[in-house]
Amino acid sequence: MSLSRAFRRRSNRTRHAASAPAVAVAGALTLSACGGDGATASGSSGAKFVTGSGGISTVAEGERQDAPKLDGETLEGEKLDIDDFKGKVVVLNVWGSWCSPCRAEAPNFAKVAKETKDKGVEFVGINTRDDSKGPAIEFEKQWGITYPSFYDPIGKLVLRFPKGSLNPQAIPSTIVIDREGRIAARSLMALNEKKLHQMIDPLIAEK
């Protein structure tokens, strides 16, 4: 589901909270193509990436851009800063409790997060478009999500990703950051275990 479509679907429920930042987020997060299967694409920033037949886009090690500063409050009200995970592979998942594809992929994320923890991988969620924390916290309990998630109801953190990079453009989106803090891979669809490992394992192997 594209982020712009998701914003439209939920606009009636959140009209009382509408604001200029929310409008800016909705306009900026429009799903766009980033190249066909196996094609090389280049964003406005000049970043080059390849989208494979499985819908996963990757960037060669020498072409990667730095990930943006991502810090804020978790669903549990704790402070979280991605910089604290420097030296580890970080898997960022943009999700909402209202999102059917997010529910479909959640058990896979819970399992793979546990499988890769000892290999230097940290999973972090970015919960967005939930009007309150309650449904999101219940979502985590239901699906066994034990890693933290930022609470980002109007998508401010999502907008920190540089244009032309492998930025989130749909819900769900998954971004993988390498040990040097650079954006290395992206998916704009729900992921199964195999595809998650396809994104993560090559970065675990990098030295």
N, C-alpha and C. Protein backbone atom coordinates (compact mmCIF):
# COMPACT_ATOMS: atom_id res chain seq x y z
N MET A 1 0.86 -1.19 0.00
CA MET A 1 0.00 0.00 0.00
C MET A 1 0.89 1.24 0.00
N SER A 2 0.68 2.18 -0.95
CA SER A 2 1.49 3.39 -0.96
C SER A 2 1.16 4.26 0.24
N LEU A 3 2.16 5.03 0.65
CA LEU A 3 1.94 5.91 1.80
C LEU A 3 0.89 6.97 1.51
N SER A 4 0.89 7.50 0.28
CA SER A 4 -0.10 8.52 -0.04
C SER A 4 -1.51 7.96 0.04
N ARG A 5 -1.69 6.71 -0.41
CA ARG A 5 -3.01 6.08 -0.35
C ARG A 5 -3.41 5.83 1.10
N ALA A 6 -2.42 5.39 1.90
CA ALA A 6 -2.72 5.13 3.31
C ALA A 6 -3.15 6.40 4.02
N PHE A 7 -2.49 7.50 3.70
CA PHE A 7 -2.86 8.77 4.32
C PHE A 7 -4.28 9.17 3.94
N ARG A 8 -4.66 8.92 2.67
CA ARG A 8 -6.00 9.28 2.25
C ARG A 8 -7.05 8.44 2.97
N ARG A 9 -6.77 7.14 3.12
CA ARG A 9 -7.73 6.24 3.74
C ARG A 9 -7.99 6.59 5.18
N ARG A 10 -6.98 7.12 5.85
CA ARG A 10 -7.13 7.40 7.27
C ARG A 10 -7.43 8.85 7.57
N SER A 11 -7.53 9.67 6.51
CA SER A 11 -7.72 11.10 6.73
C SER A 11 -9.03 11.41 7.44
N ASN A 12 -10.09 10.65 7.13
CA ASN A 12 -11.37 10.92 7.77
C ASN A 12 -11.33 10.67 9.27
N ARG A 13 -10.51 9.72 9.69
CA ARG A 13 -10.42 9.39 11.11
C ARG A 13 -9.51 10.35 11.87
N THR A 14 -8.67 11.07 11.13
CA THR A 14 -7.70 11.94 11.80
C THR A 14 -7.86 13.40 11.41
N ARG A 15 -9.03 13.76 10.88
CA ARG A 15 -9.24 15.11 10.38
C ARG A 15 -9.05 16.15 11.48
N HIS A 16 -9.41 15.79 12.69
CA HIS A 16 -9.28 16.73 13.81
C HIS A 16 -7.83 17.04 14.11
N ALA A 17 -6.92 16.15 13.65
CA ALA A 17 -5.50 16.36 13.95
C ALA A 17 -4.72 16.84 12.73
N ALA A 18 -5.42 17.21 11.67
CA ALA A 18 -4.76 17.63 10.45
C ALA A 18 -3.93 18.87 10.69
N SER A 19 -2.75 18.91 10.03
CA SER A 19 -1.85 20.04 10.20
C SER A 19 -1.01 20.17 8.96
N ALA A 20 -0.30 21.30 8.83
CA ALA A 20 0.57 21.51 7.68
C ALA A 20 1.65 20.44 7.58
N PRO A 21 2.33 20.04 8.69
CA PRO A 21 3.32 18.98 8.58
C PRO A 21 2.72 17.69 8.04
N ALA A 22 1.52 17.33 8.48
CA ALA A 22 0.90 16.10 8.02
C ALA A 22 0.64 16.16 6.53
N VAL A 23 0.18 17.30 6.04
CA VAL A 23 -0.06 17.47 4.61
C VAL A 23 1.25 17.33 3.84
N ALA A 24 2.31 17.90 4.38
CA ALA A 24 3.62 17.81 3.72
C ALA A 24 4.08 16.37 3.65
N VAL A 25 3.89 15.62 4.72
CA VAL A 25 4.27 14.22 4.73
C VAL A 25 3.49 13.46 3.67
N ALA A 26 2.19 13.65 3.61
CA ALA A 26 1.35 12.93 2.66
C ALA A 26 1.79 13.21 1.23
N GLY A 27 2.14 14.45 0.95
CA GLY A 27 2.55 14.80 -0.39
C GLY A 27 3.90 14.25 -0.76
N ALA A 28 4.78 14.16 0.22
CA ALA A 28 6.15 13.75 -0.06
C ALA A 28 6.28 12.25 -0.21
N LEU A 29 5.43 11.48 0.43
CA LEU A 29 5.59 10.04 0.45
C LEU A 29 4.74 9.38 -0.63
N THR A 30 5.01 9.71 -1.86
CA THR A 30 4.29 9.15 -2.99
C THR A 30 5.10 8.02 -3.58
N LEU A 31 4.48 6.86 -3.73
CA LEU A 31 5.17 5.71 -4.28
C LEU A 31 5.65 6.00 -5.69
N SER A 32 6.91 5.69 -5.96
CA SER A 32 7.46 5.92 -7.29
C SER A 32 8.31 4.73 -7.70
N ALA A 33 8.42 4.53 -9.00
CA ALA A 33 9.21 3.42 -9.51
C ALA A 33 10.69 3.72 -9.35
N CYS A 34 11.48 2.67 -9.12
CA CYS A 34 12.93 2.89 -8.96
C CYS A 34 13.69 1.95 -9.87
N GLY A 35 13.10 1.60 -10.99
CA GLY A 35 13.79 0.74 -11.94
C GLY A 35 13.12 -0.61 -12.05
N GLY A 36 13.20 -1.23 -13.20
CA GLY A 36 12.60 -2.54 -13.41
C GLY A 36 13.45 -3.65 -12.83
N ASP A 37 13.03 -4.87 -13.05
CA ASP A 37 13.77 -6.01 -12.52
C ASP A 37 15.19 -6.00 -13.07
N GLY A 38 16.14 -5.99 -12.14
CA GLY A 38 17.53 -6.02 -12.54
C GLY A 38 18.02 -4.73 -13.15
N ALA A 39 17.25 -3.67 -13.09
CA ALA A 39 17.63 -2.41 -13.71
C ALA A 39 18.38 -1.53 -12.72
N THR A 40 19.26 -0.69 -13.25
CA THR A 40 19.96 0.28 -12.43
C THR A 40 19.23 1.60 -12.51
N ALA A 41 19.01 2.23 -11.37
CA ALA A 41 18.30 3.49 -11.32
C ALA A 41 19.15 4.51 -10.58
N SER A 42 18.89 5.78 -10.86
CA SER A 42 19.61 6.85 -10.20
C SER A 42 18.64 7.91 -9.76
N GLY A 43 18.65 8.24 -8.47
CA GLY A 43 17.78 9.27 -7.95
C GLY A 43 18.35 10.64 -8.20
N SER A 44 17.61 11.67 -7.75
CA SER A 44 18.04 13.05 -7.97
C SER A 44 19.34 13.36 -7.27
N SER A 45 19.68 12.60 -6.23
CA SER A 45 20.92 12.84 -5.51
C SER A 45 22.09 12.14 -6.17
N GLY A 46 21.82 11.33 -7.22
CA GLY A 46 22.88 10.63 -7.91
C GLY A 46 23.16 9.24 -7.37
N ALA A 47 22.45 8.80 -6.34
CA ALA A 47 22.65 7.47 -5.78
C ALA A 47 22.19 6.43 -6.78
N LYS A 48 23.01 5.40 -7.01
CA LYS A 48 22.67 4.35 -7.96
C LYS A 48 22.29 3.10 -7.20
N PHE A 49 21.18 2.48 -7.61
CA PHE A 49 20.76 1.25 -6.96
C PHE A 49 20.14 0.32 -7.99
N VAL A 50 20.10 -0.95 -7.65
CA VAL A 50 19.60 -1.98 -8.55
C VAL A 50 18.41 -2.65 -7.89
N THR A 51 17.31 -2.81 -8.63
CA THR A 51 16.14 -3.50 -8.13
C THR A 51 16.06 -4.86 -8.78
N GLY A 52 16.12 -5.92 -7.97
CA GLY A 52 16.10 -7.28 -8.48
C GLY A 52 14.70 -7.78 -8.74
N SER A 53 14.60 -9.02 -9.21
CA SER A 53 13.31 -9.60 -9.57
C SER A 53 12.41 -9.79 -8.36
N GLY A 54 12.99 -9.85 -7.16
CA GLY A 54 12.20 -10.01 -5.94
C GLY A 54 11.71 -8.70 -5.37
N GLY A 55 11.97 -7.60 -6.07
CA GLY A 55 11.51 -6.30 -5.59
C GLY A 55 12.41 -5.66 -4.56
N ILE A 56 13.59 -6.23 -4.33
CA ILE A 56 14.53 -5.68 -3.36
C ILE A 56 15.57 -4.84 -4.09
N SER A 57 15.73 -3.60 -3.66
CA SER A 57 16.70 -2.69 -4.26
C SER A 57 17.96 -2.67 -3.40
N THR A 58 19.10 -2.68 -4.03
CA THR A 58 20.37 -2.68 -3.31
C THR A 58 21.34 -1.66 -3.91
N VAL A 59 22.27 -1.23 -3.08
CA VAL A 59 23.29 -0.27 -3.51
C VAL A 59 24.66 -0.89 -3.29
N ALA A 60 25.53 -0.79 -4.28
CA ALA A 60 26.90 -1.28 -4.13
C ALA A 60 27.59 -0.54 -2.99
N GLU A 61 28.49 -1.21 -2.32
CA GLU A 61 29.11 -0.67 -1.11
C GLU A 61 29.71 0.72 -1.33
N GLY A 62 30.34 0.92 -2.47
CA GLY A 62 30.99 2.20 -2.73
C GLY A 62 30.05 3.32 -3.13
N GLU A 63 28.76 3.00 -3.36
CA GLU A 63 27.79 3.99 -3.83
C GLU A 63 26.79 4.40 -2.74
N ARG A 64 26.90 3.87 -1.56
CA ARG A 64 25.87 4.08 -0.53
C ARG A 64 25.92 5.47 0.08
N GLN A 65 24.72 5.96 0.43
CA GLN A 65 24.58 7.24 1.11
C GLN A 65 24.42 7.02 2.61
N ASP A 66 24.82 8.01 3.37
CA ASP A 66 24.62 7.94 4.81
C ASP A 66 23.13 7.96 5.13
N ALA A 67 22.74 7.14 6.09
CA ALA A 67 21.36 7.19 6.57
C ALA A 67 21.15 8.48 7.35
N PRO A 68 19.94 8.99 7.41
CA PRO A 68 19.68 10.23 8.15
C PRO A 68 19.76 10.00 9.66
N LYS A 69 19.83 11.09 10.38
CA LYS A 69 19.74 11.03 11.83
C LYS A 69 18.33 10.59 12.21
N LEU A 70 18.24 9.48 12.92
CA LEU A 70 16.94 8.95 13.35
C LEU A 70 16.95 8.81 14.86
N ASP A 71 16.22 9.67 15.51
CA ASP A 71 16.14 9.60 16.96
C ASP A 71 14.76 10.08 17.39
N GLY A 72 14.34 9.64 18.55
CA GLY A 72 13.02 10.03 19.02
C GLY A 72 12.56 9.14 20.14
N GLU A 73 11.24 9.01 20.26
CA GLU A 73 10.64 8.26 21.36
C GLU A 73 10.01 6.98 20.84
N THR A 74 10.18 5.90 21.61
CA THR A 74 9.59 4.63 21.23
C THR A 74 8.13 4.56 21.66
N LEU A 75 7.45 3.51 21.25
CA LEU A 75 6.07 3.29 21.66
C LEU A 75 5.95 3.17 23.18
N GLU A 76 7.03 2.73 23.81
CA GLU A 76 7.02 2.58 25.26
C GLU A 76 7.46 3.84 25.99
N GLY A 77 7.72 4.92 25.22
CA GLY A 77 8.09 6.20 25.82
C GLY A 77 9.56 6.35 26.15
N GLU A 78 10.39 5.46 25.62
CA GLU A 78 11.83 5.53 25.87
C GLU A 78 12.53 6.24 24.71
N LYS A 79 13.69 6.84 25.00
CA LYS A 79 14.47 7.51 23.98
C LYS A 79 15.24 6.48 23.16
N LEU A 80 15.32 6.72 21.87
CA LEU A 80 16.02 5.80 20.97
C LEU A 80 16.77 6.60 19.92
N ASP A 81 18.01 6.22 19.67
CA ASP A 81 18.85 6.88 18.67
C ASP A 81 19.56 5.80 17.86
N ILE A 82 19.36 5.80 16.55
CA ILE A 82 19.97 4.79 15.69
C ILE A 82 21.50 4.86 15.76
N ASP A 83 22.05 6.01 16.05
CA ASP A 83 23.51 6.15 16.15
C ASP A 83 24.09 5.20 17.19
N ASP A 84 23.28 4.81 18.16
CA ASP A 84 23.77 3.89 19.19
C ASP A 84 24.06 2.50 18.63
N PHE A 85 23.58 2.23 17.41
CA PHE A 85 23.79 0.92 16.80
C PHE A 85 24.89 0.94 15.75
N LYS A 86 25.70 2.00 15.73
CA LYS A 86 26.80 2.08 14.76
C LYS A 86 27.71 0.88 14.94
N GLY A 87 28.11 0.28 13.85
CA GLY A 87 28.92 -0.93 13.90
C GLY A 87 28.08 -2.19 13.77
N LYS A 88 26.75 -2.02 13.74
CA LYS A 88 25.84 -3.14 13.54
C LYS A 88 25.01 -2.92 12.28
N VAL A 89 24.47 -4.00 11.74
CA VAL A 89 23.52 -3.90 10.64
C VAL A 89 22.16 -3.57 11.26
N VAL A 90 21.49 -2.54 10.74
CA VAL A 90 20.21 -2.11 11.29
C VAL A 90 19.11 -2.33 10.25
N VAL A 91 18.06 -3.01 10.66
CA VAL A 91 16.89 -3.25 9.80
C VAL A 91 15.76 -2.37 10.28
N LEU A 92 15.36 -1.42 9.45
CA LEU A 92 14.27 -0.49 9.78
C LEU A 92 13.01 -0.92 9.05
N ASN A 93 11.92 -1.08 9.80
CA ASN A 93 10.66 -1.48 9.20
C ASN A 93 9.60 -0.42 9.49
N VAL A 94 9.06 0.19 8.43
CA VAL A 94 8.00 1.18 8.56
C VAL A 94 6.65 0.44 8.54
N TRP A 95 5.84 0.62 9.58
CA TRP A 95 4.63 -0.19 9.70
C TRP A 95 3.52 0.58 10.43
N GLY A 96 2.31 0.04 10.33
CA GLY A 96 1.18 0.56 11.08
C GLY A 96 0.32 -0.61 11.54
N SER A 97 -0.31 -0.48 12.69
CA SER A 97 -1.13 -1.58 13.21
C SER A 97 -2.36 -1.83 12.35
N TRP A 98 -2.77 -0.84 11.56
CA TRP A 98 -3.95 -0.90 10.70
C TRP A 98 -3.66 -1.54 9.35
N CYS A 99 -2.40 -1.85 9.09
CA CYS A 99 -1.91 -2.25 7.76
C CYS A 99 -1.90 -3.77 7.63
N SER A 100 -2.72 -4.31 6.73
CA SER A 100 -2.81 -5.77 6.55
C SER A 100 -1.48 -6.41 6.13
N PRO A 101 -0.75 -5.85 5.15
CA PRO A 101 0.55 -6.44 4.81
C PRO A 101 1.53 -6.42 5.99
N CYS A 102 1.42 -5.39 6.85
CA CYS A 102 2.29 -5.34 8.03
C CYS A 102 2.01 -6.50 8.97
N ARG A 103 0.73 -6.83 9.12
CA ARG A 103 0.36 -7.97 9.96
C ARG A 103 0.87 -9.27 9.34
N ALA A 104 0.84 -9.36 8.02
CA ALA A 104 1.29 -10.57 7.34
C ALA A 104 2.80 -10.81 7.54
N GLU A 105 3.57 -9.74 7.53
CA GLU A 105 5.01 -9.90 7.63
C GLU A 105 5.54 -9.90 9.07
N ALA A 106 4.73 -9.46 10.02
CA ALA A 106 5.21 -9.29 11.40
C ALA A 106 5.81 -10.56 12.00
N PRO A 107 5.20 -11.75 11.85
CA PRO A 107 5.83 -12.95 12.43
C PRO A 107 7.20 -13.24 11.85
N ASN A 108 7.40 -12.91 10.57
CA ASN A 108 8.70 -13.12 9.94
C ASN A 108 9.75 -12.19 10.53
N PHE A 109 9.37 -10.95 10.78
CA PHE A 109 10.30 -10.00 11.39
C PHE A 109 10.66 -10.43 12.81
N ALA A 110 9.67 -10.87 13.56
CA ALA A 110 9.93 -11.31 14.93
C ALA A 110 10.92 -12.47 14.94
N LYS A 111 10.75 -13.43 14.04
CA LYS A 111 11.61 -14.61 13.99
C LYS A 111 13.02 -14.27 13.53
N VAL A 112 13.13 -13.53 12.43
CA VAL A 112 14.45 -13.22 11.88
C VAL A 112 15.23 -12.28 12.81
N ALA A 113 14.54 -11.39 13.50
CA ALA A 113 15.22 -10.51 14.46
C ALA A 113 15.92 -11.34 15.53
N LYS A 114 15.26 -12.39 16.00
CA LYS A 114 15.87 -13.25 17.02
C LYS A 114 17.01 -14.08 16.44
N GLU A 115 16.84 -14.54 15.19
CA GLU A 115 17.85 -15.37 14.55
C GLU A 115 19.16 -14.62 14.29
N THR A 116 19.05 -13.33 14.02
CA THR A 116 20.22 -12.55 13.60
C THR A 116 20.80 -11.67 14.70
N LYS A 117 20.18 -11.64 15.86
CA LYS A 117 20.63 -10.77 16.96
C LYS A 117 22.10 -11.02 17.31
N ASP A 118 22.48 -12.29 17.40
CA ASP A 118 23.86 -12.63 17.78
C ASP A 118 24.84 -12.43 16.64
N LYS A 119 24.34 -12.08 15.47
CA LYS A 119 25.21 -11.83 14.31
C LYS A 119 25.45 -10.34 14.09
N GLY A 120 25.04 -9.53 15.07
CA GLY A 120 25.28 -8.10 14.96
C GLY A 120 24.21 -7.35 14.19
N VAL A 121 22.96 -7.83 14.26
CA VAL A 121 21.86 -7.18 13.55
C VAL A 121 20.87 -6.64 14.58
N GLU A 122 20.44 -5.40 14.38
CA GLU A 122 19.43 -4.78 15.24
C GLU A 122 18.21 -4.41 14.39
N PHE A 123 17.04 -4.82 14.84
CA PHE A 123 15.79 -4.45 14.18
C PHE A 123 15.17 -3.26 14.93
N VAL A 124 14.65 -2.31 14.17
CA VAL A 124 13.97 -1.15 14.73
C VAL A 124 12.75 -0.85 13.87
N GLY A 125 11.60 -0.68 14.48
CA GLY A 125 10.41 -0.31 13.74
C GLY A 125 10.21 1.20 13.72
N ILE A 126 9.48 1.66 12.71
CA ILE A 126 9.00 3.04 12.68
C ILE A 126 7.49 2.96 12.52
N ASN A 127 6.77 3.10 13.61
CA ASN A 127 5.32 3.02 13.58
C ASN A 127 4.74 4.35 13.12
N THR A 128 3.90 4.32 12.10
CA THR A 128 3.36 5.56 11.56
C THR A 128 1.87 5.44 11.26
N ARG A 129 1.17 6.57 11.28
CA ARG A 129 -0.25 6.70 10.98
C ARG A 129 -1.15 6.00 11.98
N ASP A 130 -0.63 5.65 13.15
CA ASP A 130 -1.48 5.20 14.25
C ASP A 130 -1.82 6.42 15.09
N ASP A 131 -3.12 6.66 15.32
CA ASP A 131 -3.57 7.85 16.03
C ASP A 131 -3.13 7.86 17.49
N SER A 132 -2.91 6.67 18.06
CA SER A 132 -2.46 6.57 19.44
C SER A 132 -1.55 5.35 19.55
N LYS A 133 -0.84 5.25 20.66
CA LYS A 133 0.13 4.17 20.82
C LYS A 133 -0.53 2.83 21.13
N GLY A 134 -1.73 2.86 21.72
CA GLY A 134 -2.36 1.63 22.19
C GLY A 134 -2.46 0.53 21.15
N PRO A 135 -3.05 0.79 19.97
CA PRO A 135 -3.16 -0.26 18.96
C PRO A 135 -1.80 -0.78 18.49
N ALA A 136 -0.81 0.10 18.43
CA ALA A 136 0.52 -0.31 17.98
C ALA A 136 1.19 -1.21 19.02
N ILE A 137 1.04 -0.87 20.29
CA ILE A 137 1.61 -1.70 21.36
C ILE A 137 0.93 -3.07 21.37
N GLU A 138 -0.36 -3.09 21.16
CA GLU A 138 -1.09 -4.36 21.11
C GLU A 138 -0.64 -5.21 19.91
N PHE A 139 -0.37 -4.54 18.79
CA PHE A 139 0.15 -5.21 17.59
C PHE A 139 1.46 -5.93 17.93
N GLU A 140 2.37 -5.23 18.62
CA GLU A 140 3.65 -5.83 18.97
C GLU A 140 3.47 -7.05 19.87
N LYS A 141 2.57 -6.95 20.83
CA LYS A 141 2.32 -8.08 21.73
C LYS A 141 1.74 -9.27 20.96
N GLN A 142 0.80 -8.98 20.08
CA GLN A 142 0.14 -10.04 19.33
C GLN A 142 1.11 -10.83 18.48
N TRP A 143 2.07 -10.14 17.85
CA TRP A 143 2.97 -10.79 16.91
C TRP A 143 4.35 -11.09 17.48
N GLY A 144 4.54 -10.85 18.77
CA GLY A 144 5.81 -11.21 19.40
C GLY A 144 6.97 -10.33 19.00
N ILE A 145 6.69 -9.06 18.70
CA ILE A 145 7.75 -8.11 18.35
C ILE A 145 8.40 -7.62 19.64
N THR A 146 9.67 -7.92 19.80
CA THR A 146 10.37 -7.54 21.03
C THR A 146 11.35 -6.39 20.83
N TYR A 147 11.65 -6.05 19.57
CA TYR A 147 12.56 -4.94 19.32
C TYR A 147 11.77 -3.61 19.38
N PRO A 148 12.47 -2.49 19.57
CA PRO A 148 11.76 -1.20 19.75
C PRO A 148 11.25 -0.62 18.44
N SER A 149 10.22 0.21 18.55
CA SER A 149 9.71 0.96 17.40
C SER A 149 9.56 2.43 17.78
N PHE A 150 10.05 3.30 16.90
CA PHE A 150 9.76 4.72 17.05
C PHE A 150 8.26 4.94 16.89
N TYR A 151 7.73 5.89 17.62
CA TYR A 151 6.35 6.32 17.38
C TYR A 151 6.42 7.58 16.53
N ASP A 152 5.97 7.48 15.28
CA ASP A 152 6.12 8.54 14.28
C ASP A 152 4.79 8.74 13.56
N PRO A 153 3.76 9.24 14.28
CA PRO A 153 2.40 9.23 13.73
C PRO A 153 2.20 10.00 12.43
N ILE A 154 2.94 11.07 12.19
CA ILE A 154 2.74 11.82 10.93
C ILE A 154 3.95 11.72 9.99
N GLY A 155 4.86 10.81 10.28
CA GLY A 155 5.92 10.51 9.31
C GLY A 155 7.09 11.46 9.28
N LYS A 156 7.37 12.15 10.38
CA LYS A 156 8.50 13.08 10.38
C LYS A 156 9.84 12.36 10.19
N LEU A 157 10.00 11.21 10.83
CA LEU A 157 11.25 10.47 10.69
C LEU A 157 11.43 9.96 9.27
N VAL A 158 10.35 9.51 8.67
CA VAL A 158 10.41 8.99 7.30
C VAL A 158 10.90 10.06 6.34
N LEU A 159 10.51 11.31 6.58
CA LEU A 159 10.90 12.40 5.69
C LEU A 159 12.36 12.81 5.84
N ARG A 160 13.04 12.28 6.84
CA ARG A 160 14.46 12.61 7.00
C ARG A 160 15.34 11.89 5.98
N PHE A 161 14.84 10.86 5.35
CA PHE A 161 15.64 10.15 4.36
C PHE A 161 15.85 11.04 3.14
N PRO A 162 17.09 11.11 2.62
CA PRO A 162 17.35 12.00 1.49
C PRO A 162 16.63 11.58 0.23
N LYS A 163 16.14 12.57 -0.51
CA LYS A 163 15.48 12.31 -1.78
C LYS A 163 16.46 11.65 -2.74
N GLY A 164 15.94 10.72 -3.52
CA GLY A 164 16.80 10.03 -4.49
C GLY A 164 17.55 8.86 -3.90
N SER A 165 17.46 8.69 -2.58
CA SER A 165 18.09 7.53 -1.95
C SER A 165 17.06 6.40 -1.90
N LEU A 166 17.43 5.30 -1.27
CA LEU A 166 16.47 4.23 -1.04
C LEU A 166 15.62 4.59 0.17
N ASN A 167 14.75 5.55 -0.02
CA ASN A 167 13.93 6.05 1.07
C ASN A 167 12.60 5.27 1.15
N PRO A 168 11.95 5.24 2.32
CA PRO A 168 10.66 4.57 2.44
C PRO A 168 9.62 5.28 1.58
N GLN A 169 8.84 4.52 0.82
CA GLN A 169 7.82 5.10 -0.03
C GLN A 169 6.50 4.36 0.04
N ALA A 170 6.37 3.44 0.96
CA ALA A 170 5.14 2.66 1.09
C ALA A 170 5.05 2.15 2.52
N ILE A 171 3.89 1.67 2.88
CA ILE A 171 3.70 0.98 4.15
C ILE A 171 3.20 -0.42 3.83
N PRO A 172 3.98 -1.48 4.13
CA PRO A 172 5.28 -1.41 4.81
C PRO A 172 6.43 -1.09 3.86
N SER A 173 7.49 -0.55 4.43
CA SER A 173 8.78 -0.43 3.76
C SER A 173 9.84 -0.96 4.72
N THR A 174 10.88 -1.55 4.16
CA THR A 174 12.00 -2.01 4.98
C THR A 174 13.30 -1.47 4.40
N ILE A 175 14.08 -0.84 5.26
CA ILE A 175 15.37 -0.28 4.88
C ILE A 175 16.45 -0.97 5.70
N VAL A 176 17.54 -1.38 5.06
CA VAL A 176 18.65 -1.99 5.79
C VAL A 176 19.86 -1.07 5.70
N ILE A 177 20.44 -0.79 6.86
CA ILE A 177 21.59 0.11 7.00
C ILE A 177 22.81 -0.72 7.35
N ASP A 178 23.92 -0.48 6.66
CA ASP A 178 25.12 -1.28 6.91
C ASP A 178 25.86 -0.82 8.17
N ARG A 179 26.95 -1.49 8.50
CA ARG A 179 27.67 -1.22 9.74
C ARG A 179 28.27 0.18 9.80
N GLU A 180 28.43 0.79 8.62
CA GLU A 180 28.98 2.14 8.56
C GLU A 180 27.88 3.21 8.62
N GLY A 181 26.65 2.80 8.80
CA GLY A 181 25.56 3.77 8.89
C GLY A 181 25.06 4.25 7.54
N ARG A 182 25.22 3.42 6.51
CA ARG A 182 24.82 3.81 5.16
C ARG A 182 23.64 2.96 4.68
N ILE A 183 22.79 3.56 3.83
CA ILE A 183 21.61 2.86 3.31
C ILE A 183 22.06 1.85 2.26
N ALA A 184 21.75 0.58 2.49
CA ALA A 184 22.26 -0.48 1.63
C ALA A 184 21.19 -1.21 0.84
N ALA A 185 19.96 -1.29 1.37
CA ALA A 185 18.92 -2.07 0.69
C ALA A 185 17.54 -1.56 1.10
N ARG A 186 16.55 -1.84 0.23
CA ARG A 186 15.19 -1.41 0.51
C ARG A 186 14.20 -2.38 -0.13
N SER A 187 13.07 -2.58 0.56
CA SER A 187 11.92 -3.28 -0.01
C SER A 187 10.68 -2.44 0.26
N LEU A 188 9.76 -2.42 -0.71
CA LEU A 188 8.52 -1.66 -0.57
C LEU A 188 7.32 -2.60 -0.52
N MET A 189 7.53 -3.79 0.01
CA MET A 189 6.45 -4.77 0.09
C MET A 189 6.62 -5.60 1.35
N ALA A 190 5.58 -6.35 1.70
CA ALA A 190 5.68 -7.26 2.84
C ALA A 190 6.71 -8.34 2.53
N LEU A 191 7.48 -8.72 3.55
CA LEU A 191 8.59 -9.65 3.35
C LEU A 191 8.37 -10.96 4.08
N ASN A 192 8.79 -12.06 3.45
CA ASN A 192 8.84 -13.34 4.14
C ASN A 192 10.25 -13.55 4.69
N GLU A 193 10.48 -14.67 5.36
CA GLU A 193 11.78 -14.92 5.97
C GLU A 193 12.89 -14.95 4.93
N LYS A 194 12.63 -15.60 3.80
CA LYS A 194 13.64 -15.74 2.76
C LYS A 194 14.11 -14.39 2.25
N LYS A 195 13.15 -13.50 1.98
CA LYS A 195 13.54 -12.20 1.44
C LYS A 195 14.22 -11.32 2.50
N LEU A 196 13.81 -11.47 3.75
CA LEU A 196 14.49 -10.74 4.80
C LEU A 196 15.96 -11.15 4.87
N HIS A 197 16.20 -12.45 4.84
CA HIS A 197 17.58 -12.93 4.86
C HIS A 197 18.33 -12.49 3.60
N GLN A 198 17.62 -12.42 2.49
CA GLN A 198 18.24 -11.97 1.24
C GLN A 198 18.76 -10.54 1.38
N MET A 199 18.06 -9.72 2.14
CA MET A 199 18.50 -8.35 2.36
C MET A 199 19.61 -8.25 3.40
N ILE A 200 19.52 -9.07 4.44
CA ILE A 200 20.39 -8.92 5.60
C ILE A 200 21.71 -9.69 5.46
N ASP A 201 21.65 -10.93 4.99
CA ASP A 201 22.82 -11.81 5.04
C ASP A 201 24.05 -11.25 4.31
N PRO A 202 23.89 -10.62 3.11
CA PRO A 202 25.09 -10.07 2.46
C PRO A 202 25.77 -8.98 3.32
N LEU A 203 24.99 -8.25 4.09
CA LEU A 203 25.57 -7.18 4.92
C LEU A 203 26.23 -7.75 6.16
N ILE A 204 25.70 -8.86 6.67
CA ILE A 204 26.36 -9.55 7.78
C ILE A 204 27.75 -10.03 7.33
N ALA A 205 27.83 -10.47 6.09
CA ALA A 205 29.08 -11.03 5.55
C ALA A 205 30.13 -9.95 5.23
N GLU A 206 29.70 -8.70 5.10
CA GLU A 206 30.66 -7.63 4.80
C GLU A 206 31.61 -7.40 5.97
N LYS A 207 32.85 -7.18 5.65
CA LYS A 207 33.85 -6.91 6.71
C LYS A 207 34.33 -5.48 6.62
